[in-house]
Amino acid sequence: LYALEHNRRPRDLITPASLKNAAAAVTATAGSTNAVLHLLAIAREAGLSQTDFDIDQFDAISRATPVIAALKPGGRYMAPDMSAAGGTRLLVQRMQQAGLIVDA
């Protein structure tokens, strides 16, 4: 409700850092290649320039990010398996420990 009351929109929250973190998270979970297109579209809708976030940056992030939780469709495990192992909280902790999270 706070967001509605204060007219906060997704555009107010999307930053180059948030998109870089999303790219790293997708890679760390062996996520869908469609994420590239979706994150680029989100960047454009948020009014970010290509220098803020582009396909080359996504590529560099994906090359530097190891797969931590190999989820389907590209990996071996399903989302409930990740949840049972500690979920998103554990994934983010491991990503932070590896220096894969960009501070906003």
C-alpha atoms as a PDB file:
ATOM      1  CA  LEU A   1       0.000   0.000   0.000  1.00  0.00           C
ATOM      2  CA  TYR A   2       2.894   2.344   0.705  1.00  0.00           C
ATOM      3  CA  ALA A   3       3.941   2.237  -2.939  1.00  0.00           C
ATOM      4  CA  LEU A   4       0.445   3.115  -4.103  1.00  0.00           C
ATOM      5  CA  GLU A   5       0.003   5.887  -1.552  1.00  0.00           C
ATOM      6  CA  HIS A   6       3.313   7.455  -2.531  1.00  0.00           C
ATOM      7  CA  ASN A   7       2.883   6.904  -6.268  1.00  0.00           C
ATOM      8  CA  ARG A   8       5.955   4.654  -6.445  1.00  0.00           C
ATOM      9  CA  ARG A   9       6.267   2.920  -9.778  1.00  0.00           C
ATOM     10  CA  PRO A  10       8.554   0.145 -10.978  1.00  0.00           C
ATOM     11  CA  ARG A  11      10.448   2.795 -12.952  1.00  0.00           C
ATOM     12  CA  ASP A  12      11.409   4.364  -9.609  1.00  0.00           C
ATOM     13  CA  LEU A  13      13.041   1.120  -8.462  1.00  0.00           C
ATOM     14  CA  ILE A  14      14.782  -0.134 -11.600  1.00  0.00           C
ATOM     15  CA  THR A  15      18.437   0.893 -11.645  1.00  0.00           C
ATOM     16  CA  PRO A  16      21.476  -0.300 -13.562  1.00  0.00           C
ATOM     17  CA  ALA A  17      22.609  -2.067 -10.369  1.00  0.00           C
ATOM     18  CA  SER A  18      19.273  -3.860  -9.952  1.00  0.00           C
ATOM     19  CA  LEU A  19      19.415  -5.111 -13.541  1.00  0.00           C
ATOM     20  CA  LYS A  20      23.014  -6.280 -13.145  1.00  0.00           C
ATOM     21  CA  ASN A  21      22.019  -8.139  -9.987  1.00  0.00           C
ATOM     22  CA  ALA A  22      19.080  -9.686 -11.827  1.00  0.00           C
ATOM     23  CA  ALA A  23      21.390 -10.811 -14.643  1.00  0.00           C
ATOM     24  CA  ALA A  24      23.736 -12.390 -12.104  1.00  0.00           C
ATOM     25  CA  ALA A  25      20.841 -14.108 -10.314  1.00  0.00           C
ATOM     26  CA  VAL A  26      19.481 -15.525 -13.562  1.00  0.00           C
ATOM     27  CA  THR A  27      22.907 -16.871 -14.435  1.00  0.00           C
ATOM     28  CA  ALA A  28      23.521 -18.232 -10.932  1.00  0.00           C
ATOM     29  CA  THR A  29      20.307 -20.243 -11.186  1.00  0.00           C
ATOM     30  CA  ALA A  30      20.871 -21.438 -14.778  1.00  0.00           C
ATOM     31  CA  GLY A  31      17.823 -19.387 -15.720  1.00  0.00           C
ATOM     32  CA  SER A  32      16.138 -19.050 -19.056  1.00  0.00           C
ATOM     33  CA  THR A  33      17.903 -17.339 -21.931  1.00  0.00           C
ATOM     34  CA  ASN A  34      14.690 -15.340 -22.359  1.00  0.00           C
ATOM     35  CA  ALA A  35      15.801 -13.343 -19.313  1.00  0.00           C
ATOM     36  CA  VAL A  36      18.223 -11.447 -21.561  1.00  0.00           C
ATOM     37  CA  LEU A  37      15.366 -10.091 -23.645  1.00  0.00           C
ATOM     38  CA  HIS A  38      13.177  -9.397 -20.637  1.00  0.00           C
ATOM     39  CA  LEU A  39      15.856  -7.513 -18.704  1.00  0.00           C
ATOM     40  CA  LEU A  40      16.771  -5.430 -21.753  1.00  0.00           C
ATOM     41  CA  ALA A  41      13.091  -4.568 -22.240  1.00  0.00           C
ATOM     42  CA  ILE A  42      12.738  -3.654 -18.561  1.00  0.00           C
ATOM     43  CA  ALA A  43      15.773  -1.375 -18.867  1.00  0.00           C
ATOM     44  CA  ARG A  44      14.267   0.431 -21.853  1.00  0.00           C
ATOM     45  CA  GLU A  45      10.865   0.805 -20.176  1.00  0.00           C
ATOM     46  CA  ALA A  46      12.597   2.230 -17.105  1.00  0.00           C
ATOM     47  CA  GLY A  47      14.181   4.867 -19.323  1.00  0.00           C
ATOM     48  CA  LEU A  48      17.743   3.619 -18.902  1.00  0.00           C
ATOM     49  CA  SER A  49      20.245   4.203 -21.680  1.00  0.00           C
ATOM     50  CA  GLN A  50      22.278   1.503 -23.378  1.00  0.00           C
ATOM     51  CA  THR A  51      25.330   2.655 -21.453  1.00  0.00           C
ATOM     52  CA  ASP A  52      23.436   1.853 -18.226  1.00  0.00           C
ATOM     53  CA  PHE A  53      22.621  -1.751 -19.167  1.00  0.00           C
ATOM     54  CA  ASP A  54      22.965  -3.577 -22.467  1.00  0.00           C
ATOM     55  CA  ILE A  55      23.455  -7.043 -23.895  1.00  0.00           C
ATOM     56  CA  ASP A  56      27.249  -6.769 -23.686  1.00  0.00           C
ATOM     57  CA  GLN A  57      27.017  -6.082 -19.955  1.00  0.00           C
ATOM     58  CA  PHE A  58      24.650  -9.032 -19.543  1.00  0.00           C
ATOM     59  CA  ASP A  59      27.152 -11.191 -21.427  1.00  0.00           C
ATOM     60  CA  ALA A  60      30.069 -10.062 -19.238  1.00  0.00           C
ATOM     61  CA  ILE A  61      28.050 -10.703 -16.077  1.00  0.00           C
ATOM     62  CA  SER A  62      26.970 -14.143 -17.254  1.00  0.00           C
ATOM     63  CA  ARG A  63      30.555 -15.102 -18.105  1.00  0.00           C
ATOM     64  CA  ALA A  64      31.747 -14.028 -14.633  1.00  0.00           C
ATOM     65  CA  THR A  65      28.906 -15.681 -12.704  1.00  0.00           C
ATOM     66  CA  PRO A  66      29.068 -19.367 -11.809  1.00  0.00           C
ATOM     67  CA  VAL A  67      25.963 -21.514 -11.615  1.00  0.00           C
ATOM     68  CA  ILE A  68      25.161 -21.853  -7.913  1.00  0.00           C
ATOM     69  CA  ALA A  69      21.689 -23.394  -8.105  1.00  0.00           C
ATOM     70  CA  ALA A  70      21.191 -25.277 -11.367  1.00  0.00           C
ATOM     71  CA  LEU A  71      17.435 -24.873 -11.760  1.00  0.00           C
ATOM     72  CA  LYS A  72      15.382 -26.141 -14.670  1.00  0.00           C
ATOM     73  CA  PRO A  73      14.993 -25.589 -17.598  1.00  0.00           C
ATOM     74  CA  GLY A  74      18.770 -25.327 -17.952  1.00  0.00           C
ATOM     75  CA  GLY A  75      19.702 -27.177 -14.787  1.00  0.00           C
ATOM     76  CA  ARG A  76      18.963 -30.297 -12.828  1.00  0.00           C
ATOM     77  CA  TYR A  77      16.793 -29.018  -9.966  1.00  0.00           C
ATOM     78  CA  MET A  78      13.340 -27.509  -9.573  1.00  0.00           C
ATOM     79  CA  ALA A  79      12.364 -24.416  -7.575  1.00  0.00           C
ATOM     80  CA  PRO A  80      11.016 -26.453  -4.611  1.00  0.00           C
ATOM     81  CA  ASP A  81      14.475 -28.048  -4.333  1.00  0.00           C
ATOM     82  CA  MET A  82      16.046 -24.607  -4.030  1.00  0.00           C
ATOM     83  CA  SER A  83      13.458 -23.587  -1.469  1.00  0.00           C
ATOM     84  CA  ALA A  84      14.204 -26.678   0.627  1.00  0.00           C
ATOM     85  CA  ALA A  85      17.936 -25.924   0.452  1.00  0.00           C
ATOM     86  CA  GLY A  86      17.556 -22.379   1.796  1.00  0.00           C
ATOM     87  CA  GLY A  87      15.805 -20.481  -0.967  1.00  0.00           C
ATOM     88  CA  THR A  88      16.546 -17.079  -2.388  1.00  0.00           C
ATOM     89  CA  ARG A  89      18.059 -15.893   0.881  1.00  0.00           C
ATOM     90  CA  LEU A  90      20.798 -18.531   0.671  1.00  0.00           C
ATOM     91  CA  LEU A  91      21.347 -17.848  -3.029  1.00  0.00           C
ATOM     92  CA  VAL A  92      21.841 -14.129  -2.381  1.00  0.00           C
ATOM     93  CA  GLN A  93      24.157 -14.856   0.558  1.00  0.00           C
ATOM     94  CA  ARG A  94      26.306 -17.076  -1.652  1.00  0.00           C
ATOM     95  CA  MET A  95      26.291 -14.455  -4.393  1.00  0.00           C
ATOM     96  CA  GLN A  96      27.344 -11.767  -1.900  1.00  0.00           C
ATOM     97  CA  GLN A  97      30.141 -13.982  -0.568  1.00  0.00           C
ATOM     98  CA  ALA A  98      31.376 -14.439  -4.140  1.00  0.00           C
ATOM     99  CA  GLY A  99      31.218 -10.688  -4.840  1.00  0.00           C
ATOM    100  CA  LEU A 100      28.505 -11.097  -7.473  1.00  0.00           C
ATOM    101  CA  ILE A 101      26.045  -8.529  -6.078  1.00  0.00           C
ATOM    102  CA  VAL A 102      26.372  -4.893  -7.144  1.00  0.00           C
ATOM    103  CA  ASP A 103      25.492  -2.405  -4.407  1.00  0.00           C
ATOM    104  CA  ALA A 104      22.712  -0.040  -5.389  1.00  0.00           C
END
